[in-house]
């Protein structure tokens, strides 16, 4: 468990699933960050979160404020590369929850035996996330032009990032 600025990150518990589902689905519904187009039911979310290498939740002032999933980015000879996704409740954005989640995922990635954390699809308009990743030392490894289809129907670039977990 990590505590920073009244934000605690811990492994999720089954009782967290309703709040986690709401937060995840909020990001999906916004249609400008996650690739999923449809919300999950609580049962689908429970199965999805249980299937990850690690799923963590952030608590802020006693409430679930965000979450992240960590899992392999690929298999076999590329199985040492991890991937993560983060979701923060709109009620607490700007309070540092995202930063604490990313920092925790860097720690857990190494603990789980991964050597690299790679993001495959950071939407170019997600300036807050990009600024955070750059501040934390992630390296840009490429751009896919028009790689993301926003909810509004427009295509925009996605940026790929990586972080060496052994540094």
C-alpha atoms as a PDB file:
ATOM      1  CA  UNK A   1       0.000   0.000   0.000  1.00  0.00           C
ATOM      2  CA  UNK A   2       1.294   3.471  -0.871  1.00  0.00           C
ATOM      3  CA  UNK A   3       0.054   6.738   0.610  1.00  0.00           C
ATOM      4  CA  UNK A   4       0.744  10.113  -0.980  1.00  0.00           C
ATOM      5  CA  UNK A   5      -1.165  13.364  -0.459  1.00  0.00           C
ATOM      6  CA  UNK A   6      -4.064  11.508   1.174  1.00  0.00           C
ATOM      7  CA  UNK A   7      -4.146   9.063  -1.744  1.00  0.00           C
ATOM      8  CA  UNK A   8      -3.688   5.389  -0.947  1.00  0.00           C
ATOM      9  CA  UNK A   9      -3.167   2.742  -3.638  1.00  0.00           C
ATOM     10  CA  UNK A  10      -3.883  -0.879  -2.818  1.00  0.00           C
ATOM     11  CA  UNK A  11      -4.952  -4.103  -4.529  1.00  0.00           C
ATOM     12  CA  UNK A  12      -8.623  -4.026  -5.371  1.00  0.00           C
ATOM     13  CA  UNK A  13     -11.170  -6.076  -3.435  1.00  0.00           C
ATOM     14  CA  UNK A  14     -14.448  -7.507  -4.669  1.00  0.00           C
ATOM     15  CA  UNK A  15     -16.369  -4.836  -2.753  1.00  0.00           C
ATOM     16  CA  UNK A  16     -14.638  -2.186  -4.878  1.00  0.00           C
ATOM     17  CA  UNK A  17     -16.103  -3.485  -8.158  1.00  0.00           C
ATOM     18  CA  UNK A  18     -19.201  -1.222  -8.248  1.00  0.00           C
ATOM     19  CA  UNK A  19     -17.158   1.981  -7.835  1.00  0.00           C
ATOM     20  CA  UNK A  20     -14.450   0.721 -10.203  1.00  0.00           C
ATOM     21  CA  UNK A  21     -17.043  -0.072 -12.853  1.00  0.00           C
ATOM     22  CA  UNK A  22     -18.515   3.421 -12.647  1.00  0.00           C
ATOM     23  CA  UNK A  23     -15.090   5.054 -13.018  1.00  0.00           C
ATOM     24  CA  UNK A  24     -13.980   2.763 -15.863  1.00  0.00           C
ATOM     25  CA  UNK A  25     -17.261   3.255 -17.715  1.00  0.00           C
ATOM     26  CA  UNK A  26     -17.019   7.027 -17.303  1.00  0.00           C
ATOM     27  CA  UNK A  27     -13.728   6.992 -19.218  1.00  0.00           C
ATOM     28  CA  UNK A  28     -15.170   4.641 -21.858  1.00  0.00           C
ATOM     29  CA  UNK A  29     -18.245   6.859 -22.246  1.00  0.00           C
ATOM     30  CA  UNK A  30     -16.123   9.979 -22.693  1.00  0.00           C
ATOM     31  CA  UNK A  31     -14.788   8.307 -25.831  1.00  0.00           C
ATOM     32  CA  UNK A  32     -11.443  10.101 -25.898  1.00  0.00           C
ATOM     33  CA  UNK A  33      -8.981   7.811 -24.094  1.00  0.00           C
ATOM     34  CA  UNK A  34      -9.843   4.087 -23.939  1.00  0.00           C
ATOM     35  CA  UNK A  35     -10.309   1.885 -27.013  1.00  0.00           C
ATOM     36  CA  UNK A  36     -13.461   0.247 -25.643  1.00  0.00           C
ATOM     37  CA  UNK A  37     -16.748   1.533 -27.051  1.00  0.00           C
ATOM     38  CA  UNK A  38     -19.217  -0.131 -24.700  1.00  0.00           C
ATOM     39  CA  UNK A  39     -19.525   0.051 -20.922  1.00  0.00           C
ATOM     40  CA  UNK A  40     -19.062  -3.066 -18.793  1.00  0.00           C
ATOM     41  CA  UNK A  41     -21.569  -4.542 -16.410  1.00  0.00           C
ATOM     42  CA  UNK A  42     -20.345  -5.177 -12.883  1.00  0.00           C
ATOM     43  CA  UNK A  43     -20.096  -8.903 -13.685  1.00  0.00           C
ATOM     44  CA  UNK A  44     -18.011  -8.197 -16.807  1.00  0.00           C
ATOM     45  CA  UNK A  45     -15.860  -5.759 -14.862  1.00  0.00           C
ATOM     46  CA  UNK A  46     -15.261  -8.289 -12.076  1.00  0.00           C
ATOM     47  CA  UNK A  47     -14.035 -10.850 -14.625  1.00  0.00           C
ATOM     48  CA  UNK A  48     -11.960  -8.262 -16.506  1.00  0.00           C
ATOM     49  CA  UNK A  49     -10.212  -6.862 -13.416  1.00  0.00           C
ATOM     50  CA  UNK A  50      -9.569 -10.359 -12.020  1.00  0.00           C
ATOM     51  CA  UNK A  51      -7.871 -11.332 -15.285  1.00  0.00           C
ATOM     52  CA  UNK A  52      -5.120  -8.728 -14.988  1.00  0.00           C
ATOM     53  CA  UNK A  53      -1.637  -9.308 -13.589  1.00  0.00           C
ATOM     54  CA  UNK A  54      -2.457  -6.609 -11.047  1.00  0.00           C
ATOM     55  CA  UNK A  55      -5.407  -4.313 -10.521  1.00  0.00           C
ATOM     56  CA  UNK A  56      -5.012  -1.463  -8.067  1.00  0.00           C
ATOM     57  CA  UNK A  57      -7.400   1.133  -6.721  1.00  0.00           C
ATOM     58  CA  UNK A  58      -6.695   4.591  -5.406  1.00  0.00           C
ATOM     59  CA  UNK A  59      -8.592   5.851  -2.385  1.00  0.00           C
ATOM     60  CA  UNK A  60      -8.910   9.570  -1.776  1.00  0.00           C
ATOM     61  CA  UNK A  61     -10.742  10.823   1.294  1.00  0.00           C
ATOM     62  CA  UNK A  62     -12.139   7.348   1.900  1.00  0.00           C
ATOM     63  CA  UNK A  63     -13.608   6.838  -1.580  1.00  0.00           C
ATOM     64  CA  UNK A  64     -12.437   4.915  -4.614  1.00  0.00           C
ATOM     65  CA  UNK A  65     -11.064   7.683  -6.826  1.00  0.00           C
ATOM     66  CA  UNK A  66      -9.310   5.742  -9.552  1.00  0.00           C
ATOM     67  CA  UNK A  67      -7.821   2.466 -10.649  1.00  0.00           C
ATOM     68  CA  UNK A  68      -5.295   0.871 -12.933  1.00  0.00           C
ATOM     69  CA  UNK A  69      -4.739  -2.454 -14.606  1.00  0.00           C
ATOM     70  CA  UNK A  70      -1.318  -3.967 -15.320  1.00  0.00           C
ATOM     71  CA  UNK A  71      -0.784  -6.909 -17.655  1.00  0.00           C
ATOM     72  CA  UNK A  72       1.601  -8.251 -20.310  1.00  0.00           C
ATOM     73  CA  UNK A  73       1.698  -6.198 -23.487  1.00  0.00           C
ATOM     74  CA  UNK A  74       2.457  -9.327 -25.490  1.00  0.00           C
ATOM     75  CA  UNK A  75       3.418 -12.992 -25.028  1.00  0.00           C
ATOM     76  CA  UNK A  76       6.468 -15.209 -25.241  1.00  0.00           C
ATOM     77  CA  UNK A  77       9.676 -13.404 -26.145  1.00  0.00           C
ATOM     78  CA  UNK A  78       7.938 -10.072 -25.614  1.00  0.00           C
ATOM     79  CA  UNK A  79       6.180 -11.106 -22.400  1.00  0.00           C
ATOM     80  CA  UNK A  80       8.601  -9.047 -20.292  1.00  0.00           C
ATOM     81  CA  UNK A  81       6.913  -5.875 -21.586  1.00  0.00           C
ATOM     82  CA  UNK A  82       3.908  -4.729 -19.601  1.00  0.00           C
ATOM     83  CA  UNK A  83       1.024  -2.442 -20.426  1.00  0.00           C
ATOM     84  CA  UNK A  84      -1.255  -0.467 -18.134  1.00  0.00           C
ATOM     85  CA  UNK A  85      -4.441   1.568 -18.279  1.00  0.00           C
ATOM     86  CA  UNK A  86      -5.538   4.183 -15.765  1.00  0.00           C
ATOM     87  CA  UNK A  87      -8.953   5.571 -14.920  1.00  0.00           C
ATOM     88  CA  UNK A  88      -9.544   8.490 -12.566  1.00  0.00           C
ATOM     89  CA  UNK A  89     -12.956   9.728 -11.487  1.00  0.00           C
ATOM     90  CA  UNK A  90     -13.818  13.117 -12.974  1.00  0.00           C
ATOM     91  CA  UNK A  91     -14.657  14.236  -9.430  1.00  0.00           C
ATOM     92  CA  UNK A  92     -10.990  14.152  -8.392  1.00  0.00           C
ATOM     93  CA  UNK A  93      -9.026  14.938 -11.524  1.00  0.00           C
ATOM     94  CA  UNK A  94      -6.182  17.345 -10.823  1.00  0.00           C
ATOM     95  CA  UNK A  95      -5.671  16.062  -7.256  1.00  0.00           C
ATOM     96  CA  UNK A  96      -2.665  13.843  -8.084  1.00  0.00           C
ATOM     97  CA  UNK A  97      -4.548  10.539  -8.246  1.00  0.00           C
ATOM     98  CA  UNK A  98      -3.310   9.763 -11.765  1.00  0.00           C
ATOM     99  CA  UNK A  99       0.308  10.402 -10.840  1.00  0.00           C
ATOM    100  CA  UNK A 100       0.107   8.141  -7.798  1.00  0.00           C
ATOM    101  CA  UNK A 101      -1.502   5.388  -9.894  1.00  0.00           C
ATOM    102  CA  UNK A 102       1.234   5.600 -12.546  1.00  0.00           C
ATOM    103  CA  UNK A 103       4.006   5.606  -9.940  1.00  0.00           C
ATOM    104  CA  UNK A 104       2.445   2.600  -8.227  1.00  0.00           C
ATOM    105  CA  UNK A 105       2.208   0.755 -11.550  1.00  0.00           C
ATOM    106  CA  UNK A 106       5.934   1.346 -12.141  1.00  0.00           C
ATOM    107  CA  UNK A 107       6.667  -0.226  -8.758  1.00  0.00           C
ATOM    108  CA  UNK A 108       4.269  -3.137  -9.308  1.00  0.00           C
ATOM    109  CA  UNK A 109       5.503  -3.738 -12.839  1.00  0.00           C
ATOM    110  CA  UNK A 110       8.986  -4.350 -11.538  1.00  0.00           C
ATOM    111  CA  UNK A 111       7.646  -6.436  -8.632  1.00  0.00           C
ATOM    112  CA  UNK A 112       5.750  -8.636 -11.114  1.00  0.00           C
ATOM    113  CA  UNK A 113       8.909  -9.274 -13.124  1.00  0.00           C
ATOM    114  CA  UNK A 114       8.326  -6.956 -16.064  1.00  0.00           C
ATOM    115  CA  UNK A 115      11.283  -5.050 -17.530  1.00  0.00           C
ATOM    116  CA  UNK A 116       9.410  -2.407 -19.528  1.00  0.00           C
ATOM    117  CA  UNK A 117       6.091  -0.580 -19.288  1.00  0.00           C
ATOM    118  CA  UNK A 118       4.781   0.367 -22.723  1.00  0.00           C
ATOM    119  CA  UNK A 119       1.718   2.390 -23.655  1.00  0.00           C
ATOM    120  CA  UNK A 120       0.391   1.565 -27.103  1.00  0.00           C
ATOM    121  CA  UNK A 121      -2.225   4.242 -27.577  1.00  0.00           C
ATOM    122  CA  UNK A 122      -2.045   7.517 -25.647  1.00  0.00           C
ATOM    123  CA  UNK A 123      -4.463   9.809 -27.455  1.00  0.00           C
ATOM    124  CA  UNK A 124      -2.649  12.949 -28.611  1.00  0.00           C
ATOM    125  CA  UNK A 125      -5.291  15.291 -27.174  1.00  0.00           C
ATOM    126  CA  UNK A 126      -4.800  13.780 -23.695  1.00  0.00           C
ATOM    127  CA  UNK A 127      -2.291  16.508 -22.822  1.00  0.00           C
ATOM    128  CA  UNK A 128      -2.480  15.928 -19.057  1.00  0.00           C
ATOM    129  CA  UNK A 129      -1.477  12.271 -19.407  1.00  0.00           C
ATOM    130  CA  UNK A 130       1.282  13.083 -21.893  1.00  0.00           C
ATOM    131  CA  UNK A 131       2.713  15.762 -19.605  1.00  0.00           C
ATOM    132  CA  UNK A 132       2.643  13.348 -16.667  1.00  0.00           C
ATOM    133  CA  UNK A 133       4.364  10.553 -18.582  1.00  0.00           C
ATOM    134  CA  UNK A 134       7.054  12.907 -19.819  1.00  0.00           C
ATOM    135  CA  UNK A 135       7.597  14.310 -16.316  1.00  0.00           C
ATOM    136  CA  UNK A 136       7.998  10.776 -14.945  1.00  0.00           C
ATOM    137  CA  UNK A 137      10.622   9.903 -17.560  1.00  0.00           C
ATOM    138  CA  UNK A 138       8.686   7.910 -20.148  1.00  0.00           C
ATOM    139  CA  UNK A 139      10.187   8.028 -23.640  1.00  0.00           C
ATOM    140  CA  UNK A 140       8.127   8.625 -26.765  1.00  0.00           C
ATOM    141  CA  UNK A 141       8.737   5.748 -29.159  1.00  0.00           C
ATOM    142  CA  UNK A 142       6.415   6.692 -31.983  1.00  0.00           C
ATOM    143  CA  UNK A 143       3.167   8.109 -33.277  1.00  0.00           C
ATOM    144  CA  UNK A 144       0.390   6.403 -35.204  1.00  0.00           C
ATOM    145  CA  UNK A 145      -1.322   9.005 -37.345  1.00  0.00           C
ATOM    146  CA  UNK A 146      -5.094   8.771 -37.130  1.00  0.00           C
ATOM    147  CA  UNK A 147      -4.824   5.734 -34.843  1.00  0.00           C
ATOM    148  CA  UNK A 148      -7.694   6.687 -32.536  1.00  0.00           C
ATOM    149  CA  UNK A 149     -11.341   7.099 -33.528  1.00  0.00           C
ATOM    150  CA  UNK A 150     -12.901   9.544 -31.072  1.00  0.00           C
ATOM    151  CA  UNK A 151     -16.501   9.319 -29.961  1.00  0.00           C
ATOM    152  CA  UNK A 152     -17.139  12.512 -31.957  1.00  0.00           C
ATOM    153  CA  UNK A 153     -16.200  10.667 -35.152  1.00  0.00           C
ATOM    154  CA  UNK A 154     -12.817  12.302 -35.701  1.00  0.00           C
ATOM    155  CA  UNK A 155      -9.546  10.423 -36.025  1.00  0.00           C
ATOM    156  CA  UNK A 156      -6.520  11.622 -34.128  1.00  0.00           C
ATOM    157  CA  UNK A 157      -2.982  10.473 -33.499  1.00  0.00           C
ATOM    158  CA  UNK A 158      -1.916   8.096 -30.772  1.00  0.00           C
ATOM    159  CA  UNK A 159       1.491   8.245 -29.135  1.00  0.00           C
ATOM    160  CA  UNK A 160       3.452   5.239 -27.940  1.00  0.00           C
ATOM    161  CA  UNK A 161       5.528   5.536 -24.761  1.00  0.00           C
ATOM    162  CA  UNK A 162       7.868   3.226 -22.862  1.00  0.00           C
ATOM    163  CA  UNK A 163       9.597   3.215 -19.502  1.00  0.00           C
ATOM    164  CA  UNK A 164      12.541   1.033 -18.459  1.00  0.00           C
ATOM    165  CA  UNK A 165      11.489  -0.494 -15.133  1.00  0.00           C
ATOM    166  CA  UNK A 166      15.086  -1.418 -14.290  1.00  0.00           C
ATOM    167  CA  UNK A 167      16.424   2.127 -14.204  1.00  0.00           C
END
